[in-house]
All heavy atoms as atom14 arrays in JSON, in Angstrom:
{
  "sequence": "VKVIVENVPVEKCADCGEWTIGAAEGDRADQLMALAAIAAGVRTGHLL",
  "atom14_mask": [
    [1, 1, 1, 1, 1, 1, 1, 0, 0, 0, 0, 0, 0, 0],
    [1, 1, 1, 1, 1, 1, 1, 1, 1, 0, 0, 0, 0, 0],
    [1, 1, 1, 1, 1, 1, 1, 0, 0, 0, 0, 0, 0, 0],
    [1, 1, 1, 1, 1, 1, 1, 1, 0, 0, 0, 0, 0, 0],
    [1, 1, 1, 1, 1, 1, 1, 0, 0, 0, 0, 0, 0, 0],
    [1, 1, 1, 1, 1, 1, 1, 1, 1, 0, 0, 0, 0, 0],
    [1, 1, 1, 1, 1, 1, 1, 1, 0, 0, 0, 0, 0, 0],
    [1, 1, 1, 1, 1, 1, 1, 0, 0, 0, 0, 0, 0, 0],
    [1, 1, 1, 1, 1, 1, 1, 0, 0, 0, 0, 0, 0, 0],
    [1, 1, 1, 1, 1, 1, 1, 0, 0, 0, 0, 0, 0, 0],
    [1, 1, 1, 1, 1, 1, 1, 1, 1, 0, 0, 0, 0, 0],
    [1, 1, 1, 1, 1, 1, 1, 1, 1, 0, 0, 0, 0, 0],
    [1, 1, 1, 1, 1, 1, 0, 0, 0, 0, 0, 0, 0, 0],
    [1, 1, 1, 1, 1, 0, 0, 0, 0, 0, 0, 0, 0, 0],
    [1, 1, 1, 1, 1, 1, 1, 1, 0, 0, 0, 0, 0, 0],
    [1, 1, 1, 1, 1, 1, 0, 0, 0, 0, 0, 0, 0, 0],
    [1, 1, 1, 1, 0, 0, 0, 0, 0, 0, 0, 0, 0, 0],
    [1, 1, 1, 1, 1, 1, 1, 1, 1, 0, 0, 0, 0, 0],
    [1, 1, 1, 1, 1, 1, 1, 1, 1, 1, 1, 1, 1, 1],
    [1, 1, 1, 1, 1, 1, 1, 0, 0, 0, 0, 0, 0, 0],
    [1, 1, 1, 1, 1, 1, 1, 1, 0, 0, 0, 0, 0, 0],
    [1, 1, 1, 1, 0, 0, 0, 0, 0, 0, 0, 0, 0, 0],
    [1, 1, 1, 1, 1, 0, 0, 0, 0, 0, 0, 0, 0, 0],
    [1, 1, 1, 1, 1, 0, 0, 0, 0, 0, 0, 0, 0, 0],
    [1, 1, 1, 1, 1, 1, 1, 1, 1, 0, 0, 0, 0, 0],
    [1, 1, 1, 1, 0, 0, 0, 0, 0, 0, 0, 0, 0, 0],
    [1, 1, 1, 1, 1, 1, 1, 1, 0, 0, 0, 0, 0, 0],
    [1, 1, 1, 1, 1, 1, 1, 1, 1, 1, 1, 0, 0, 0],
    [1, 1, 1, 1, 1, 0, 0, 0, 0, 0, 0, 0, 0, 0],
    [1, 1, 1, 1, 1, 1, 1, 1, 0, 0, 0, 0, 0, 0],
    [1, 1, 1, 1, 1, 1, 1, 1, 1, 0, 0, 0, 0, 0],
    [1, 1, 1, 1, 1, 1, 1, 1, 0, 0, 0, 0, 0, 0],
    [1, 1, 1, 1, 1, 1, 1, 1, 0, 0, 0, 0, 0, 0],
    [1, 1, 1, 1, 1, 0, 0, 0, 0, 0, 0, 0, 0, 0],
    [1, 1, 1, 1, 1, 1, 1, 1, 0, 0, 0, 0, 0, 0],
    [1, 1, 1, 1, 1, 0, 0, 0, 0, 0, 0, 0, 0, 0],
    [1, 1, 1, 1, 1, 0, 0, 0, 0, 0, 0, 0, 0, 0],
    [1, 1, 1, 1, 1, 1, 1, 1, 0, 0, 0, 0, 0, 0],
    [1, 1, 1, 1, 1, 0, 0, 0, 0, 0, 0, 0, 0, 0],
    [1, 1, 1, 1, 1, 0, 0, 0, 0, 0, 0, 0, 0, 0],
    [1, 1, 1, 1, 0, 0, 0, 0, 0, 0, 0, 0, 0, 0],
    [1, 1, 1, 1, 1, 1, 1, 0, 0, 0, 0, 0, 0, 0],
    [1, 1, 1, 1, 1, 1, 1, 1, 1, 1, 1, 0, 0, 0],
    [1, 1, 1, 1, 1, 1, 1, 0, 0, 0, 0, 0, 0, 0],
    [1, 1, 1, 1, 0, 0, 0, 0, 0, 0, 0, 0, 0, 0],
    [1, 1, 1, 1, 1, 1, 1, 1, 1, 1, 0, 0, 0, 0],
    [1, 1, 1, 1, 1, 1, 1, 1, 0, 0, 0, 0, 0, 0],
    [1, 1, 1, 1, 1, 1, 1, 1, 0, 0, 0, 0, 0, 0]
  ],
  "atom14_positions": [
    [[-16.04, 61.65, 15.96], [-14.66, 61.24, 16.22], [-14.62, 59.75, 16.53], [-15.29, 59.26, 17.42], [-14.06, 62.03, 17.42], [-12.66, 61.54, 17.73], [-14.06, 63.52, 17.13], [0.0, 0.0, 0.0], [0.0, 0.0, 0.0], [0.0, 0.0, 0.0], [0.0, 0.0, 0.0], [0.0, 0.0, 0.0], [0.0, 0.0, 0.0], [0.0, 0.0, 0.0]],
    [[-13.8, 59.04, 15.75], [-13.59, 57.62, 15.99], [-12.24, 57.45, 16.67], [-11.22, 57.91, 16.16], [-13.63, 56.84, 14.68], [-13.51, 55.34, 14.86], [-13.67, 54.63, 13.52], [-13.77, 53.13, 13.7], [-14.08, 52.48, 12.42], [0.0, 0.0, 0.0], [0.0, 0.0, 0.0], [0.0, 0.0, 0.0], [0.0, 0.0, 0.0], [0.0, 0.0, 0.0]],
    [[-12.23, 56.81, 17.83], [-11.0, 56.57, 18.58], [-10.65, 55.09, 18.45], [-11.5, 54.23, 18.67], [-11.16, 56.96, 20.06], [-9.89, 56.65, 20.84], [-11.52, 58.43, 20.2], [0.0, 0.0, 0.0], [0.0, 0.0, 0.0], [0.0, 0.0, 0.0], [0.0, 0.0, 0.0], [0.0, 0.0, 0.0], [0.0, 0.0, 0.0], [0.0, 0.0, 0.0]],
    [[-9.4, 54.81, 18.11], [-8.93, 53.44, 17.94], [-7.77, 53.21, 18.9], [-6.81, 53.98, 18.92], [-8.47, 53.18, 16.49], [-9.6, 53.46, 15.5], [-7.95, 51.76, 16.34], [-9.16, 53.49, 14.06], [0.0, 0.0, 0.0], [0.0, 0.0, 0.0], [0.0, 0.0, 0.0], [0.0, 0.0, 0.0], [0.0, 0.0, 0.0], [0.0, 0.0, 0.0]],
    [[-7.88, 52.15, 19.69], [-6.76, 51.73, 20.54], [-6.21, 50.47, 19.9], [-6.91, 49.46, 19.77], [-7.22, 51.45, 21.99], [-6.06, 50.94, 22.83], [-7.83, 52.7, 22.61], [0.0, 0.0, 0.0], [0.0, 0.0, 0.0], [0.0, 0.0, 0.0], [0.0, 0.0, 0.0], [0.0, 0.0, 0.0], [0.0, 0.0, 0.0], [0.0, 0.0, 0.0]],
    [[-4.97, 50.55, 19.48], [-4.34, 49.45, 18.76], [-3.53, 48.56, 19.68], [-3.12, 48.97, 20.76], [-3.45, 50.01, 17.65], [-4.22, 50.81, 16.62], [-3.32, 51.48, 15.6], [-2.16, 51.78, 15.94], [-3.78, 51.69, 14.48], [0.0, 0.0, 0.0], [0.0, 0.0, 0.0], [0.0, 0.0, 0.0], [0.0, 0.0, 0.0], [0.0, 0.0, 0.0]],
    [[-3.3, 47.34, 19.24], [-2.38, 46.41, 19.88], [-2.86, 45.96, 21.27], [-2.05, 45.77, 22.18], [-0.99, 47.05, 19.97], [0.11, 46.02, 19.93], [-0.04, 44.96, 19.33], [1.21, 46.32, 20.57], [0.0, 0.0, 0.0], [0.0, 0.0, 0.0], [0.0, 0.0, 0.0], [0.0, 0.0, 0.0], [0.0, 0.0, 0.0], [0.0, 0.0, 0.0]],
    [[-4.17, 45.8, 21.43], [-4.74, 45.37, 22.7], [-4.62, 43.85, 22.82], [-5.06, 43.12, 21.93], [-6.23, 45.8, 22.81], [-6.83, 45.34, 24.12], [-6.36, 47.3, 22.61], [0.0, 0.0, 0.0], [0.0, 0.0, 0.0], [0.0, 0.0, 0.0], [0.0, 0.0, 0.0], [0.0, 0.0, 0.0], [0.0, 0.0, 0.0], [0.0, 0.0, 0.0]],
    [[-4.03, 43.35, 23.92], [-3.88, 41.9, 24.07], [-5.22, 41.2, 24.34], [-6.0, 41.65, 25.18], [-2.94, 41.74, 25.27], [-2.97, 43.04, 25.98], [-3.42, 44.08, 25.02], [0.0, 0.0, 0.0], [0.0, 0.0, 0.0], [0.0, 0.0, 0.0], [0.0, 0.0, 0.0], [0.0, 0.0, 0.0], [0.0, 0.0, 0.0], [0.0, 0.0, 0.0]],
    [[-5.47, 40.14, 23.59], [-6.7, 39.35, 23.72], [-6.37, 37.87, 23.56], [-5.25, 37.51, 23.24], [-7.75, 39.75, 22.65], [-8.19, 41.19, 22.81], [-7.24, 39.49, 21.24], [0.0, 0.0, 0.0], [0.0, 0.0, 0.0], [0.0, 0.0, 0.0], [0.0, 0.0, 0.0], [0.0, 0.0, 0.0], [0.0, 0.0, 0.0], [0.0, 0.0, 0.0]],
    [[-7.36, 37.04, 23.76], [-7.3, 35.62, 23.42], [-8.18, 35.47, 22.18], [-9.38, 35.81, 22.24], [-7.84, 34.77, 24.57], [-7.01, 34.82, 25.83], [-5.82, 33.89, 25.76], [-5.98, 32.73, 25.36], [-4.71, 34.34, 26.12], [0.0, 0.0, 0.0], [0.0, 0.0, 0.0], [0.0, 0.0, 0.0], [0.0, 0.0, 0.0], [0.0, 0.0, 0.0]],
    [[-7.63, 34.98, 21.08], [-8.38, 34.93, 19.83], [-8.38, 33.52, 19.24], [-7.37, 32.84, 19.23], [-7.76, 35.9, 18.82], [-8.58, 36.07, 17.56], [-7.99, 37.19, 16.7], [-8.81, 37.42, 15.46], [-8.23, 38.5, 14.65], [0.0, 0.0, 0.0], [0.0, 0.0, 0.0], [0.0, 0.0, 0.0], [0.0, 0.0, 0.0], [0.0, 0.0, 0.0]],
    [[-9.56, 33.11, 18.73], [-9.71, 31.8, 18.1], [-9.24, 31.9, 16.64], [-9.73, 32.74, 15.88], [-11.17, 31.35, 18.15], [-11.46, 29.78, 17.32], [0.0, 0.0, 0.0], [0.0, 0.0, 0.0], [0.0, 0.0, 0.0], [0.0, 0.0, 0.0], [0.0, 0.0, 0.0], [0.0, 0.0, 0.0], [0.0, 0.0, 0.0], [0.0, 0.0, 0.0]],
    [[-8.32, 31.04, 16.27], [-7.8, 31.04, 14.9], [-8.83, 30.52, 13.91], [-8.76, 30.83, 12.72], [-6.54, 30.18, 14.82], [0.0, 0.0, 0.0], [0.0, 0.0, 0.0], [0.0, 0.0, 0.0], [0.0, 0.0, 0.0], [0.0, 0.0, 0.0], [0.0, 0.0, 0.0], [0.0, 0.0, 0.0], [0.0, 0.0, 0.0], [0.0, 0.0, 0.0]],
    [[-9.83, 29.75, 14.37], [-10.83, 29.19, 13.47], [-11.99, 30.14, 13.2], [-12.34, 30.4, 12.05], [-11.37, 27.87, 14.02], [-10.35, 26.75, 13.89], [-9.76, 26.62, 12.8], [-10.13, 26.04, 14.89], [0.0, 0.0, 0.0], [0.0, 0.0, 0.0], [0.0, 0.0, 0.0], [0.0, 0.0, 0.0], [0.0, 0.0, 0.0], [0.0, 0.0, 0.0]],
    [[-12.63, 30.65, 14.25], [-13.83, 31.48, 14.04], [-13.56, 32.97, 14.2], [-14.42, 33.79, 13.86], [-14.96, 31.04, 14.98], [-14.72, 31.48, 16.71], [0.0, 0.0, 0.0], [0.0, 0.0, 0.0], [0.0, 0.0, 0.0], [0.0, 0.0, 0.0], [0.0, 0.0, 0.0], [0.0, 0.0, 0.0], [0.0, 0.0, 0.0], [0.0, 0.0, 0.0]],
    [[-12.4, 33.35, 14.72], [-12.06, 34.76, 14.86], [-12.61, 35.42, 16.12], [-12.33, 36.58, 16.39], [0.0, 0.0, 0.0], [0.0, 0.0, 0.0], [0.0, 0.0, 0.0], [0.0, 0.0, 0.0], [0.0, 0.0, 0.0], [0.0, 0.0, 0.0], [0.0, 0.0, 0.0], [0.0, 0.0, 0.0], [0.0, 0.0, 0.0], [0.0, 0.0, 0.0]],
    [[-13.39, 34.69, 16.88], [-13.95, 35.23, 18.13], [-12.8, 35.53, 19.1], [-11.84, 34.78, 19.19], [-14.9, 34.2, 18.76], [-15.72, 34.72, 19.9], [-16.82, 35.67, 19.47], [-17.33, 35.55, 18.34], [-17.17, 36.53, 20.29], [0.0, 0.0, 0.0], [0.0, 0.0, 0.0], [0.0, 0.0, 0.0], [0.0, 0.0, 0.0], [0.0, 0.0, 0.0]],
    [[-12.91, 36.66, 19.81], [-11.87, 36.98, 20.77], [-12.47, 37.44, 22.08], [-13.59, 37.92, 22.13], [-10.86, 37.99, 20.23], [-11.41, 39.3, 19.74], [-11.77, 39.6, 18.46], [-11.65, 40.48, 20.51], [-12.22, 40.89, 18.39], [-12.15, 41.46, 19.64], [-11.49, 40.82, 21.85], [-12.49, 42.74, 20.06], [-11.83, 42.08, 22.28], [-12.32, 43.04, 21.37]],
    [[-11.71, 37.25, 23.14], [-12.1, 37.71, 24.46], [-10.96, 38.52, 25.04], [-9.8, 38.31, 24.71], [-12.44, 36.54, 25.41], [-11.3, 35.69, 25.51], [-13.62, 35.73, 24.92], [0.0, 0.0, 0.0], [0.0, 0.0, 0.0], [0.0, 0.0, 0.0], [0.0, 0.0, 0.0], [0.0, 0.0, 0.0], [0.0, 0.0, 0.0], [0.0, 0.0, 0.0]],
    [[-11.34, 39.42, 25.92], [-10.35, 40.3, 26.53], [-10.47, 40.18, 28.04], [-11.58, 40.06, 28.57], [-10.55, 41.75, 26.05], [-9.43, 42.66, 26.54], [-11.91, 42.28, 26.46], [-9.42, 44.02, 25.88], [0.0, 0.0, 0.0], [0.0, 0.0, 0.0], [0.0, 0.0, 0.0], [0.0, 0.0, 0.0], [0.0, 0.0, 0.0], [0.0, 0.0, 0.0]],
    [[-9.34, 40.18, 28.73], [-9.34, 40.12, 30.18], [-9.82, 41.45, 30.78], [-9.78, 42.5, 30.12], [0.0, 0.0, 0.0], [0.0, 0.0, 0.0], [0.0, 0.0, 0.0], [0.0, 0.0, 0.0], [0.0, 0.0, 0.0], [0.0, 0.0, 0.0], [0.0, 0.0, 0.0], [0.0, 0.0, 0.0], [0.0, 0.0, 0.0], [0.0, 0.0, 0.0]],
    [[-10.27, 41.4, 32.0], [-10.81, 42.6, 32.66], [-9.77, 43.71, 32.73], [-10.07, 44.87, 32.41], [-11.32, 42.24, 34.04], [0.0, 0.0, 0.0], [0.0, 0.0, 0.0], [0.0, 0.0, 0.0], [0.0, 0.0, 0.0], [0.0, 0.0, 0.0], [0.0, 0.0, 0.0], [0.0, 0.0, 0.0], [0.0, 0.0, 0.0], [0.0, 0.0, 0.0]],
    [[-8.56, 43.4, 33.14], [-7.51, 44.42, 33.28], [-7.17, 45.04, 31.93], [-7.02, 46.26, 31.81], [-6.27, 43.83, 33.92], [0.0, 0.0, 0.0], [0.0, 0.0, 0.0], [0.0, 0.0, 0.0], [0.0, 0.0, 0.0], [0.0, 0.0, 0.0], [0.0, 0.0, 0.0], [0.0, 0.0, 0.0], [0.0, 0.0, 0.0], [0.0, 0.0, 0.0]],
    [[-7.06, 44.2, 30.89], [-6.74, 44.71, 29.56], [-7.89, 45.56, 29.01], [-7.67, 46.58, 28.36], [-6.45, 43.55, 28.59], [-5.17, 42.81, 28.9], [-5.31, 41.76, 30.0], [-6.44, 41.53, 30.49], [-4.29, 41.18, 30.39], [0.0, 0.0, 0.0], [0.0, 0.0, 0.0], [0.0, 0.0, 0.0], [0.0, 0.0, 0.0], [0.0, 0.0, 0.0]],
    [[-9.13, 45.13, 29.28], [-10.3, 45.9, 28.84], [-10.36, 47.25, 29.52], [-10.64, 48.27, 28.88], [0.0, 0.0, 0.0], [0.0, 0.0, 0.0], [0.0, 0.0, 0.0], [0.0, 0.0, 0.0], [0.0, 0.0, 0.0], [0.0, 0.0, 0.0], [0.0, 0.0, 0.0], [0.0, 0.0, 0.0], [0.0, 0.0, 0.0], [0.0, 0.0, 0.0]],
    [[-10.1, 47.28, 30.83], [-10.1, 48.55, 31.56], [-9.03, 49.48, 31.01], [-9.28, 50.67, 30.79], [-9.85, 48.32, 33.05], [-11.04, 47.7, 33.76], [-12.15, 47.66, 33.18], [-10.85, 47.24, 34.91], [0.0, 0.0, 0.0], [0.0, 0.0, 0.0], [0.0, 0.0, 0.0], [0.0, 0.0, 0.0], [0.0, 0.0, 0.0], [0.0, 0.0, 0.0]],
    [[-7.83, 48.94, 30.78], [-6.73, 49.76, 30.25], [-7.07, 50.31, 28.86], [-6.85, 51.49, 28.59], [-5.44, 48.94, 30.21], [-4.25, 49.72, 29.7], [-2.95, 48.92, 29.88], [-1.84, 49.53, 29.21], [-1.16, 50.57, 29.65], [-1.49, 51.14, 30.79], [-0.14, 51.07, 28.97], [0.0, 0.0, 0.0], [0.0, 0.0, 0.0], [0.0, 0.0, 0.0]],
    [[-7.65, 49.49, 28.01], [-8.04, 49.94, 26.67], [-9.09, 51.04, 26.77], [-9.03, 52.05, 26.05], [-8.55, 48.77, 25.84], [0.0, 0.0, 0.0], [0.0, 0.0, 0.0], [0.0, 0.0, 0.0], [0.0, 0.0, 0.0], [0.0, 0.0, 0.0], [0.0, 0.0, 0.0], [0.0, 0.0, 0.0], [0.0, 0.0, 0.0], [0.0, 0.0, 0.0]],
    [[-10.07, 50.87, 27.66], [-11.11, 51.88, 27.84], [-10.52, 53.2, 28.34], [-10.9, 54.28, 27.88], [-12.18, 51.39, 28.81], [-13.1, 50.35, 28.21], [-13.08, 50.14, 26.98], [-13.86, 49.73, 28.99], [0.0, 0.0, 0.0], [0.0, 0.0, 0.0], [0.0, 0.0, 0.0], [0.0, 0.0, 0.0], [0.0, 0.0, 0.0], [0.0, 0.0, 0.0]],
    [[-9.6, 53.12, 29.3], [-8.97, 54.32, 29.83], [-8.17, 55.04, 28.75], [-8.23, 56.27, 28.63], [-8.09, 53.97, 31.03], [-8.91, 53.53, 32.23], [-8.13, 52.69, 33.24], [-7.02, 52.22, 32.96], [-8.7, 52.49, 34.41], [0.0, 0.0, 0.0], [0.0, 0.0, 0.0], [0.0, 0.0, 0.0], [0.0, 0.0, 0.0], [0.0, 0.0, 0.0]],
    [[-7.43, 54.28, 27.94], [-6.67, 54.89, 26.84], [-7.61, 55.54, 25.83], [-7.33, 56.62, 25.3], [-5.8, 53.83, 26.16], [-4.61, 53.34, 26.97], [-4.0, 52.1, 26.34], [-3.57, 54.45, 27.13], [0.0, 0.0, 0.0], [0.0, 0.0, 0.0], [0.0, 0.0, 0.0], [0.0, 0.0, 0.0], [0.0, 0.0, 0.0], [0.0, 0.0, 0.0]],
    [[-8.74, 54.89, 25.57], [-9.72, 55.43, 24.62], [-10.32, 56.73, 25.15], [-10.46, 57.71, 24.4], [-10.82, 54.39, 24.38], [-11.65, 54.68, 23.16], [-12.76, 53.32, 22.76], [-11.63, 51.99, 22.48], [0.0, 0.0, 0.0], [0.0, 0.0, 0.0], [0.0, 0.0, 0.0], [0.0, 0.0, 0.0], [0.0, 0.0, 0.0], [0.0, 0.0, 0.0]],
    [[-10.67, 56.75, 26.43], [-11.22, 57.97, 27.02], [-10.22, 59.11, 26.97], [-10.57, 60.25, 26.61], [-11.67, 57.69, 28.46], [0.0, 0.0, 0.0], [0.0, 0.0, 0.0], [0.0, 0.0, 0.0], [0.0, 0.0, 0.0], [0.0, 0.0, 0.0], [0.0, 0.0, 0.0], [0.0, 0.0, 0.0], [0.0, 0.0, 0.0], [0.0, 0.0, 0.0]],
    [[-8.96, 58.83, 27.32], [-7.93, 59.87, 27.27], [-7.74, 60.4, 25.86], [-7.6, 61.62, 25.66], [-6.61, 59.33, 27.81], [-6.53, 59.18, 29.32], [-5.24, 58.46, 29.72], [-6.6, 60.53, 29.99], [0.0, 0.0, 0.0], [0.0, 0.0, 0.0], [0.0, 0.0, 0.0], [0.0, 0.0, 0.0], [0.0, 0.0, 0.0], [0.0, 0.0, 0.0]],
    [[-7.73, 59.51, 24.88], [-7.57, 59.95, 23.49], [-8.76, 60.81, 23.05], [-8.58, 61.82, 22.36], [-7.42, 58.74, 22.57], [0.0, 0.0, 0.0], [0.0, 0.0, 0.0], [0.0, 0.0, 0.0], [0.0, 0.0, 0.0], [0.0, 0.0, 0.0], [0.0, 0.0, 0.0], [0.0, 0.0, 0.0], [0.0, 0.0, 0.0], [0.0, 0.0, 0.0]],
    [[-9.96, 60.44, 23.45], [-11.15, 61.21, 23.08], [-11.12, 62.59, 23.72], [-11.41, 63.6, 23.06], [-12.42, 60.45, 23.49], [0.0, 0.0, 0.0], [0.0, 0.0, 0.0], [0.0, 0.0, 0.0], [0.0, 0.0, 0.0], [0.0, 0.0, 0.0], [0.0, 0.0, 0.0], [0.0, 0.0, 0.0], [0.0, 0.0, 0.0], [0.0, 0.0, 0.0]],
    [[-10.75, 62.66, 25.0], [-10.66, 63.96, 25.67], [-9.59, 64.81, 25.01], [-9.8, 65.99, 24.73], [-10.38, 63.78, 27.18], [-11.59, 63.13, 27.87], [-10.06, 65.12, 27.83], [-11.33, 62.69, 29.3], [0.0, 0.0, 0.0], [0.0, 0.0, 0.0], [0.0, 0.0, 0.0], [0.0, 0.0, 0.0], [0.0, 0.0, 0.0], [0.0, 0.0, 0.0]],
    [[-8.44, 64.22, 24.7], [-7.35, 64.96, 24.05], [-7.75, 65.45, 22.67], [-7.29, 66.5, 22.22], [-6.11, 64.07, 23.96], [0.0, 0.0, 0.0], [0.0, 0.0, 0.0], [0.0, 0.0, 0.0], [0.0, 0.0, 0.0], [0.0, 0.0, 0.0], [0.0, 0.0, 0.0], [0.0, 0.0, 0.0], [0.0, 0.0, 0.0], [0.0, 0.0, 0.0]],
    [[-8.65, 64.71, 22.0], [-9.11, 65.11, 20.67], [-10.18, 66.2, 20.73], [-10.62, 66.68, 19.69], [-9.65, 63.89, 19.92], [0.0, 0.0, 0.0], [0.0, 0.0, 0.0], [0.0, 0.0, 0.0], [0.0, 0.0, 0.0], [0.0, 0.0, 0.0], [0.0, 0.0, 0.0], [0.0, 0.0, 0.0], [0.0, 0.0, 0.0], [0.0, 0.0, 0.0]],
    [[-10.62, 66.54, 21.93], [-11.61, 67.6, 22.08], [-13.05, 67.14, 22.13], [-13.96, 67.95, 22.03], [0.0, 0.0, 0.0], [0.0, 0.0, 0.0], [0.0, 0.0, 0.0], [0.0, 0.0, 0.0], [0.0, 0.0, 0.0], [0.0, 0.0, 0.0], [0.0, 0.0, 0.0], [0.0, 0.0, 0.0], [0.0, 0.0, 0.0], [0.0, 0.0, 0.0]],
    [[-13.28, 65.84, 22.29], [-14.65, 65.35, 22.44], [-15.18, 65.86, 23.77], [-14.52, 65.74, 24.8], [-14.7, 63.8, 22.38], [-16.1, 63.3, 22.64], [-14.17, 63.31, 21.04], [0.0, 0.0, 0.0], [0.0, 0.0, 0.0], [0.0, 0.0, 0.0], [0.0, 0.0, 0.0], [0.0, 0.0, 0.0], [0.0, 0.0, 0.0], [0.0, 0.0, 0.0]],
    [[-16.36, 66.44, 23.76], [-16.96, 67.02, 24.96], [-18.44, 66.64, 25.03], [-19.31, 67.47, 24.8], [-16.81, 68.54, 24.96], [-15.37, 69.04, 24.89], [-14.62, 68.76, 26.18], [-13.28, 69.27, 26.19], [-12.2, 68.56, 25.91], [-12.31, 67.29, 25.54], [-11.0, 69.08, 25.97], [0.0, 0.0, 0.0], [0.0, 0.0, 0.0], [0.0, 0.0, 0.0]],
    [[-18.7, 65.39, 25.31], [-20.09, 64.93, 25.41], [-20.38, 64.44, 26.82], [-19.47, 64.03, 27.56], [-20.38, 63.77, 24.43], [-19.6, 62.63, 24.82], [-20.06, 64.16, 22.99], [0.0, 0.0, 0.0], [0.0, 0.0, 0.0], [0.0, 0.0, 0.0], [0.0, 0.0, 0.0], [0.0, 0.0, 0.0], [0.0, 0.0, 0.0], [0.0, 0.0, 0.0]],
    [[-21.63, 64.46, 27.18], [-22.05, 63.94, 28.47], [-21.72, 62.46, 28.59], [-21.3, 61.99, 29.66], [0.0, 0.0, 0.0], [0.0, 0.0, 0.0], [0.0, 0.0, 0.0], [0.0, 0.0, 0.0], [0.0, 0.0, 0.0], [0.0, 0.0, 0.0], [0.0, 0.0, 0.0], [0.0, 0.0, 0.0], [0.0, 0.0, 0.0], [0.0, 0.0, 0.0]],
    [[-21.92, 61.73, 27.5], [-21.61, 60.3, 27.49], [-20.14, 60.06, 27.84], [-19.82, 59.2, 28.67], [-21.94, 59.69, 26.13], [-21.37, 58.32, 25.91], [-21.87, 57.2, 26.54], [-20.32, 57.9, 25.16], [-21.16, 56.14, 26.18], [-20.21, 56.54, 25.34], [0.0, 0.0, 0.0], [0.0, 0.0, 0.0], [0.0, 0.0, 0.0], [0.0, 0.0, 0.0]],
    [[-19.24, 60.81, 27.23], [-17.81, 60.65, 27.52], [-17.49, 61.04, 28.95], [-16.71, 60.36, 29.62], [-16.95, 61.46, 26.54], [-15.44, 61.4, 26.78], [-14.92, 59.98, 26.72], [-14.72, 62.29, 25.78], [0.0, 0.0, 0.0], [0.0, 0.0, 0.0], [0.0, 0.0, 0.0], [0.0, 0.0, 0.0], [0.0, 0.0, 0.0], [0.0, 0.0, 0.0]],
    [[-18.11, 62.09, 29.44], [-17.85, 62.51, 30.81], [-18.29, 61.41, 31.79], [-17.54, 61.03, 32.69], [-18.58, 63.82, 31.12], [-18.08, 64.54, 32.36], [-18.1, 66.04, 32.14], [-18.91, 64.19, 33.58], [0.0, 0.0, 0.0], [0.0, 0.0, 0.0], [0.0, 0.0, 0.0], [0.0, 0.0, 0.0], [0.0, 0.0, 0.0], [0.0, 0.0, 0.0]]
  ]
}
């Protein structure tokens, strides 16, 4: 199962494409990803 969280706010370089994410935004994206994985029925020790 591949989980995608779209529209995550970041700071992105227009020249090289490198991007960074703030701690709060990263935590929120991770939480949304975990919820989506659990809702999709993923049941692994890693996810837990």
